[in-house]
N, C-alpha and C. Protein backbone atom coordinates (compact mmCIF):
# COMPACT_ATOMS: atom_id res chain seq x y z
N MET A 1 15.92 -15.08 96.58
CA MET A 1 15.26 -16.48 96.45
C MET A 1 15.30 -16.04 94.75
N GLU A 2 15.60 -15.44 93.90
CA GLU A 2 15.36 -15.14 92.87
C GLU A 2 17.18 -15.48 92.25
N ASP A 3 18.17 -15.63 93.20
CA ASP A 3 19.36 -16.15 93.09
C ASP A 3 19.30 -17.56 93.39
N ARG A 4 18.24 -17.90 93.66
CA ARG A 4 18.24 -19.33 94.32
C ARG A 4 17.25 -20.19 93.01
N GLY A 5 17.58 -19.53 91.97
CA GLY A 5 16.26 -19.77 90.56
C GLY A 5 14.86 -19.69 90.31
N LEU A 6 14.52 -19.21 91.42
CA LEU A 6 12.88 -19.23 91.93
C LEU A 6 12.38 -17.80 90.97
N ASP A 7 11.13 -17.76 90.13
CA ASP A 7 10.50 -16.44 89.93
C ASP A 7 10.29 -16.25 91.23
N VAL A 8 9.71 -14.87 91.36
CA VAL A 8 9.22 -14.25 92.46
C VAL A 8 8.06 -13.01 92.03
N VAL A 9 7.05 -13.36 92.41
CA VAL A 9 5.90 -12.30 92.43
C VAL A 9 5.89 -11.46 93.44
N LEU A 10 6.27 -10.14 93.34
CA LEU A 10 6.22 -9.14 95.06
C LEU A 10 5.14 -8.04 94.17
N VAL A 11 4.12 -8.04 96.02
CA VAL A 11 3.00 -7.43 95.70
C VAL A 11 3.08 -6.58 97.24
N ASN A 12 2.03 -5.52 96.82
CA ASN A 12 2.18 -4.44 98.00
C ASN A 12 1.18 -5.09 99.21
N ASN A 13 0.40 -5.72 99.29
CA ASN A 13 -0.84 -5.72 100.16
C ASN A 13 -1.51 -7.08 100.08
N GLY A 14 -2.26 -7.69 100.89
CA GLY A 14 -2.83 -8.58 100.76
C GLY A 14 -3.74 -9.34 99.74
N GLU A 15 -4.72 -7.78 98.78
CA GLU A 15 -5.62 -7.76 98.06
C GLU A 15 -4.91 -7.69 96.62
N GLU A 16 -3.46 -7.29 96.75
CA GLU A 16 -3.06 -7.84 95.25
C GLU A 16 -2.30 -9.14 95.25
N ALA A 17 -2.14 -9.59 96.34
CA ALA A 17 -1.90 -11.18 96.42
C ALA A 17 -2.95 -12.01 95.67
N LEU A 18 -4.05 -11.52 96.51
CA LEU A 18 -5.60 -12.50 96.62
C LEU A 18 -5.36 -12.55 94.69
N GLY A 19 -5.48 -11.03 94.42
CA GLY A 19 -5.84 -11.11 93.01
C GLY A 19 -4.38 -11.83 91.91
N ALA A 20 -3.18 -11.62 92.43
CA ALA A 20 -2.42 -12.60 91.95
C ALA A 20 -2.60 -13.91 91.55
N LEU A 21 -2.67 -14.68 92.99
CA LEU A 21 -2.98 -15.61 93.04
C LEU A 21 -4.41 -16.15 92.13
N SER A 22 -5.32 -15.14 92.12
CA SER A 22 -6.58 -16.02 91.40
C SER A 22 -6.67 -15.80 90.23
N ASP A 23 -5.18 -15.13 89.44
CA ASP A 23 -5.21 -15.16 87.97
C ASP A 23 -4.70 -16.53 87.77
N ALA A 24 -5.64 -17.38 87.04
CA ALA A 24 -5.40 -19.06 86.84
C ALA A 24 -3.82 -18.93 85.70
N SER A 25 -3.78 -17.90 85.31
CA SER A 25 -2.37 -17.76 83.90
C SER A 25 -1.19 -17.99 84.59
N LYS A 26 -1.44 -17.63 85.85
CA LYS A 26 0.07 -17.89 86.67
C LYS A 26 -0.17 -18.56 87.56
N PRO A 27 0.31 -19.92 87.68
CA PRO A 27 0.60 -20.86 88.33
C PRO A 27 1.14 -20.96 89.31
N PHE A 28 1.20 -20.66 90.95
CA PHE A 28 2.12 -20.39 91.88
C PHE A 28 2.56 -21.82 92.26
N ASP A 29 3.96 -21.92 92.88
CA ASP A 29 4.18 -23.00 93.72
C ASP A 29 4.03 -22.76 95.46
N LEU A 30 4.28 -21.55 95.60
CA LEU A 30 4.37 -21.24 96.88
C LEU A 30 3.93 -19.82 97.53
N LEU A 31 3.76 -19.84 98.22
CA LEU A 31 3.18 -18.36 99.04
C LEU A 31 3.92 -17.70 100.00
N ILE A 32 4.53 -16.95 100.14
CA ILE A 32 4.99 -16.86 101.76
C ILE A 32 4.46 -15.16 101.49
N THR A 33 3.68 -14.93 102.81
CA THR A 33 3.42 -13.96 103.33
C THR A 33 3.32 -13.33 104.80
N ASP A 34 3.47 -12.07 104.76
CA ASP A 34 3.83 -11.57 106.11
C ASP A 34 2.31 -11.50 106.96
N GLN A 35 2.69 -11.45 107.81
CA GLN A 35 1.12 -11.65 108.94
C GLN A 35 0.69 -9.88 108.41
N ALA A 36 1.76 -9.23 109.19
CA ALA A 36 1.53 -7.61 108.86
C ALA A 36 1.15 -6.74 107.74
N MET A 37 0.04 -6.79 107.28
CA MET A 37 0.22 -6.11 105.77
C MET A 37 -0.98 -5.28 105.66
N PRO A 38 -0.44 -4.25 104.94
CA PRO A 38 -2.02 -3.46 104.55
C PRO A 38 -3.42 -4.38 104.03
N ARG A 39 -4.42 -3.53 104.01
CA ARG A 39 -5.64 -3.98 103.55
C ARG A 39 -6.55 -5.53 104.06
N MET A 40 -5.17 -6.27 104.69
CA MET A 40 -5.59 -7.62 105.41
C MET A 40 -4.76 -8.22 105.95
N THR A 41 -4.70 -9.31 106.85
CA THR A 41 -3.31 -9.87 107.52
C THR A 41 -3.40 -11.11 106.56
N GLY A 42 -2.16 -11.41 106.77
CA GLY A 42 -1.39 -12.65 106.20
C GLY A 42 -2.20 -14.13 106.61
N LEU A 43 -2.98 -14.23 107.83
CA LEU A 43 -3.87 -14.99 108.07
C LEU A 43 -5.20 -15.16 107.02
N GLU A 44 -5.58 -13.42 107.27
CA GLU A 44 -6.79 -13.29 106.56
C GLU A 44 -6.68 -14.03 105.02
N LEU A 45 -5.22 -13.77 104.34
CA LEU A 45 -5.34 -14.25 103.29
C LEU A 45 -5.27 -15.34 102.97
N VAL A 46 -4.49 -16.06 103.34
CA VAL A 46 -4.20 -17.42 103.77
C VAL A 46 -5.98 -18.10 103.71
N ARG A 47 -6.83 -17.90 104.50
CA ARG A 47 -8.43 -18.10 104.44
C ARG A 47 -8.82 -17.91 103.41
N ARG A 48 -8.55 -16.90 102.79
CA ARG A 48 -9.33 -16.76 101.15
C ARG A 48 -8.55 -17.42 100.36
N VAL A 49 -7.34 -17.67 100.28
CA VAL A 49 -6.49 -18.56 99.20
C VAL A 49 -6.92 -20.16 99.10
N ARG A 50 -7.06 -20.85 100.45
CA ARG A 50 -7.51 -21.88 100.35
C ARG A 50 -8.19 -22.55 99.93
N PRO A 51 -9.48 -21.80 99.46
CA PRO A 51 -10.81 -22.26 98.65
C PRO A 51 -10.30 -22.05 97.16
N ILE A 52 -9.36 -21.52 96.77
CA ILE A 52 -8.89 -21.32 95.52
C ILE A 52 -7.69 -22.55 95.18
N HIS A 53 -6.39 -22.21 96.21
CA HIS A 53 -5.68 -23.32 96.14
C HIS A 53 -5.42 -24.14 97.26
N PRO A 54 -5.95 -25.21 97.25
CA PRO A 54 -5.99 -26.09 98.64
C PRO A 54 -4.55 -26.57 99.13
N ASP A 55 -3.88 -27.10 98.22
CA ASP A 55 -2.71 -27.60 97.65
C ASP A 55 -1.55 -26.84 98.14
N LEU A 56 -1.86 -25.44 97.98
CA LEU A 56 -0.30 -24.57 97.84
C LEU A 56 0.06 -24.38 99.00
N PRO A 57 1.54 -24.38 99.36
CA PRO A 57 2.24 -25.07 100.27
C PRO A 57 2.35 -23.15 100.38
N ILE A 58 2.21 -22.71 102.08
CA ILE A 58 1.90 -21.23 102.71
C ILE A 58 3.25 -21.27 103.71
N ILE A 59 3.68 -20.61 103.74
CA ILE A 59 5.01 -19.96 104.74
C ILE A 59 4.25 -18.58 105.08
N LEU A 60 4.14 -18.11 106.45
CA LEU A 60 3.39 -17.21 107.19
C LEU A 60 4.87 -16.84 108.00
N TYR A 61 5.33 -15.43 107.97
CA TYR A 61 6.04 -14.69 108.10
C TYR A 61 6.05 -13.56 109.13
N THR A 62 6.17 -13.84 110.24
CA THR A 62 5.56 -13.04 111.63
C THR A 62 6.71 -12.63 112.53
N GLY A 63 6.55 -11.36 113.18
CA GLY A 63 7.45 -10.94 114.34
C GLY A 63 6.88 -11.00 115.32
N ASN A 64 5.48 -11.37 115.70
CA ASN A 64 4.81 -11.57 116.95
C ASN A 64 4.19 -13.04 116.65
N ALA A 65 4.56 -14.22 117.26
CA ALA A 65 3.54 -15.31 117.42
C ALA A 65 3.77 -16.22 118.98
N ASP A 66 2.99 -16.67 119.15
CA ASP A 66 3.03 -17.25 120.48
C ASP A 66 2.25 -18.91 120.04
N ALA A 67 2.44 -19.38 120.90
CA ALA A 67 1.89 -20.95 120.73
C ALA A 67 0.43 -20.88 120.18
N ARG A 68 -0.58 -19.91 121.35
CA ARG A 68 -1.76 -19.82 120.35
C ARG A 68 -1.87 -19.67 118.84
N ASP A 69 -1.06 -18.63 118.56
CA ASP A 69 -1.03 -18.28 117.40
C ASP A 69 -1.03 -19.21 116.28
N ALA A 70 0.09 -20.15 116.72
CA ALA A 70 0.77 -20.98 116.10
C ALA A 70 -0.43 -22.34 115.82
N GLU A 71 -0.93 -22.47 116.69
CA GLU A 71 -2.35 -23.56 116.26
C GLU A 71 -3.25 -23.17 115.48
N GLU A 72 -3.35 -21.55 115.47
CA GLU A 72 -4.72 -20.87 114.36
C GLU A 72 -3.97 -20.92 113.51
N VAL A 73 -2.55 -20.88 113.24
CA VAL A 73 -1.77 -20.52 111.76
C VAL A 73 -2.00 -22.18 111.41
N GLU A 74 -1.99 -22.77 111.88
CA GLU A 74 -1.96 -24.13 111.31
C GLU A 74 -3.16 -24.96 111.05
N ALA A 75 -4.02 -24.49 111.67
CA ALA A 75 -5.26 -24.57 111.53
C ALA A 75 -5.91 -24.05 110.24
N ALA A 76 -5.58 -22.63 110.00
CA ALA A 76 -5.96 -22.28 108.84
C ALA A 76 -5.23 -22.91 107.23
N GLY A 77 -4.18 -23.50 107.96
CA GLY A 77 -3.52 -24.19 106.29
C GLY A 77 -1.95 -23.92 105.96
N VAL A 78 -1.29 -23.09 107.07
CA VAL A 78 -0.33 -22.45 106.88
C VAL A 78 0.78 -24.05 107.07
N ARG A 79 1.39 -24.07 106.16
CA ARG A 79 2.83 -25.35 106.31
C ARG A 79 4.04 -24.99 107.15
N ALA A 80 4.27 -23.37 107.21
CA ALA A 80 5.32 -23.14 108.39
C ALA A 80 4.89 -21.83 108.28
N LEU A 81 5.44 -21.31 109.90
CA LEU A 81 5.50 -20.19 110.38
C LEU A 81 6.75 -19.81 110.65
N VAL A 82 7.39 -18.83 110.08
CA VAL A 82 8.99 -18.43 110.32
C VAL A 82 8.86 -17.03 111.29
N ARG A 83 9.50 -16.96 112.21
CA ARG A 83 9.42 -15.97 112.84
C ARG A 83 10.87 -14.78 112.68
N LYS A 84 10.51 -13.82 112.46
CA LYS A 84 11.48 -12.56 112.36
C LYS A 84 12.65 -12.62 113.23
N PRO A 85 13.36 -12.43 113.16
CA PRO A 85 14.19 -12.05 111.85
C PRO A 85 14.51 -13.55 111.29
N VAL A 86 14.76 -13.65 110.39
CA VAL A 86 14.94 -15.30 109.28
C VAL A 86 16.50 -15.26 109.49
N ASP A 87 16.40 -16.63 109.77
CA ASP A 87 17.40 -17.38 109.23
C ASP A 87 17.52 -17.85 107.70
N VAL A 88 18.71 -17.17 106.99
CA VAL A 88 18.27 -17.42 105.51
C VAL A 88 18.63 -18.58 105.16
N ALA A 89 19.53 -19.11 105.77
CA ALA A 89 19.73 -20.64 105.61
C ALA A 89 18.85 -21.92 106.09
N ALA A 90 17.99 -21.20 106.99
CA ALA A 90 16.77 -22.26 107.49
C ALA A 90 15.78 -21.97 106.61
N LEU A 91 15.60 -21.14 106.16
CA LEU A 91 14.67 -20.27 105.24
C LEU A 91 14.83 -21.43 103.66
N GLY A 92 16.18 -21.28 103.32
CA GLY A 92 16.53 -21.70 102.03
C GLY A 92 15.86 -23.10 102.35
N GLU A 93 16.18 -24.39 103.11
CA GLU A 93 16.11 -25.56 103.99
C GLU A 93 14.49 -25.80 103.77
N LEU A 94 14.02 -24.97 103.97
CA LEU A 94 12.24 -25.04 104.27
C LEU A 94 11.41 -25.02 103.00
N LEU A 95 12.18 -24.11 101.80
CA LEU A 95 11.87 -23.55 100.55
C LEU A 95 12.01 -24.96 99.66
N ARG A 96 13.29 -25.56 100.03
CA ARG A 96 13.54 -26.59 99.14
C ARG A 96 12.55 -27.76 99.70
N ASP A 97 12.64 -27.82 101.15
CA ASP A 97 11.44 -29.02 101.56
C ASP A 97 10.31 -28.82 100.76
N LEU A 98 9.40 -27.65 100.73
CA LEU A 98 8.11 -27.24 100.47
C LEU A 98 7.99 -27.72 98.83
N LEU A 99 9.17 -27.42 98.18
CA LEU A 99 9.04 -27.25 96.87
C LEU A 99 9.62 -28.16 96.06
N ALA A 100 10.04 -29.27 97.28
CA ALA A 100 10.29 -30.87 96.29
C ALA A 100 9.26 -31.76 95.79
């Protein structure tokens, strides 16, 4: 993503992500989170981020999703559900669309 001119902040778990997103000195344009993370799931992170950043585009990355999960993810405010393995070209298009 950095090769596309994006500034990337990497964290090790959901708690670190929530901390970074709560820091008002660092505005974020997009959140990409894995569903399976230490300390909290991606969906839990989304639910905790929404009150702080209601308009932040969020991509949830997962290896295990079915139609029921997709409905829950959409209801939580996730803009896109990306299944593993990721098609890099498709992800690039998605990023372009969400950041436009």
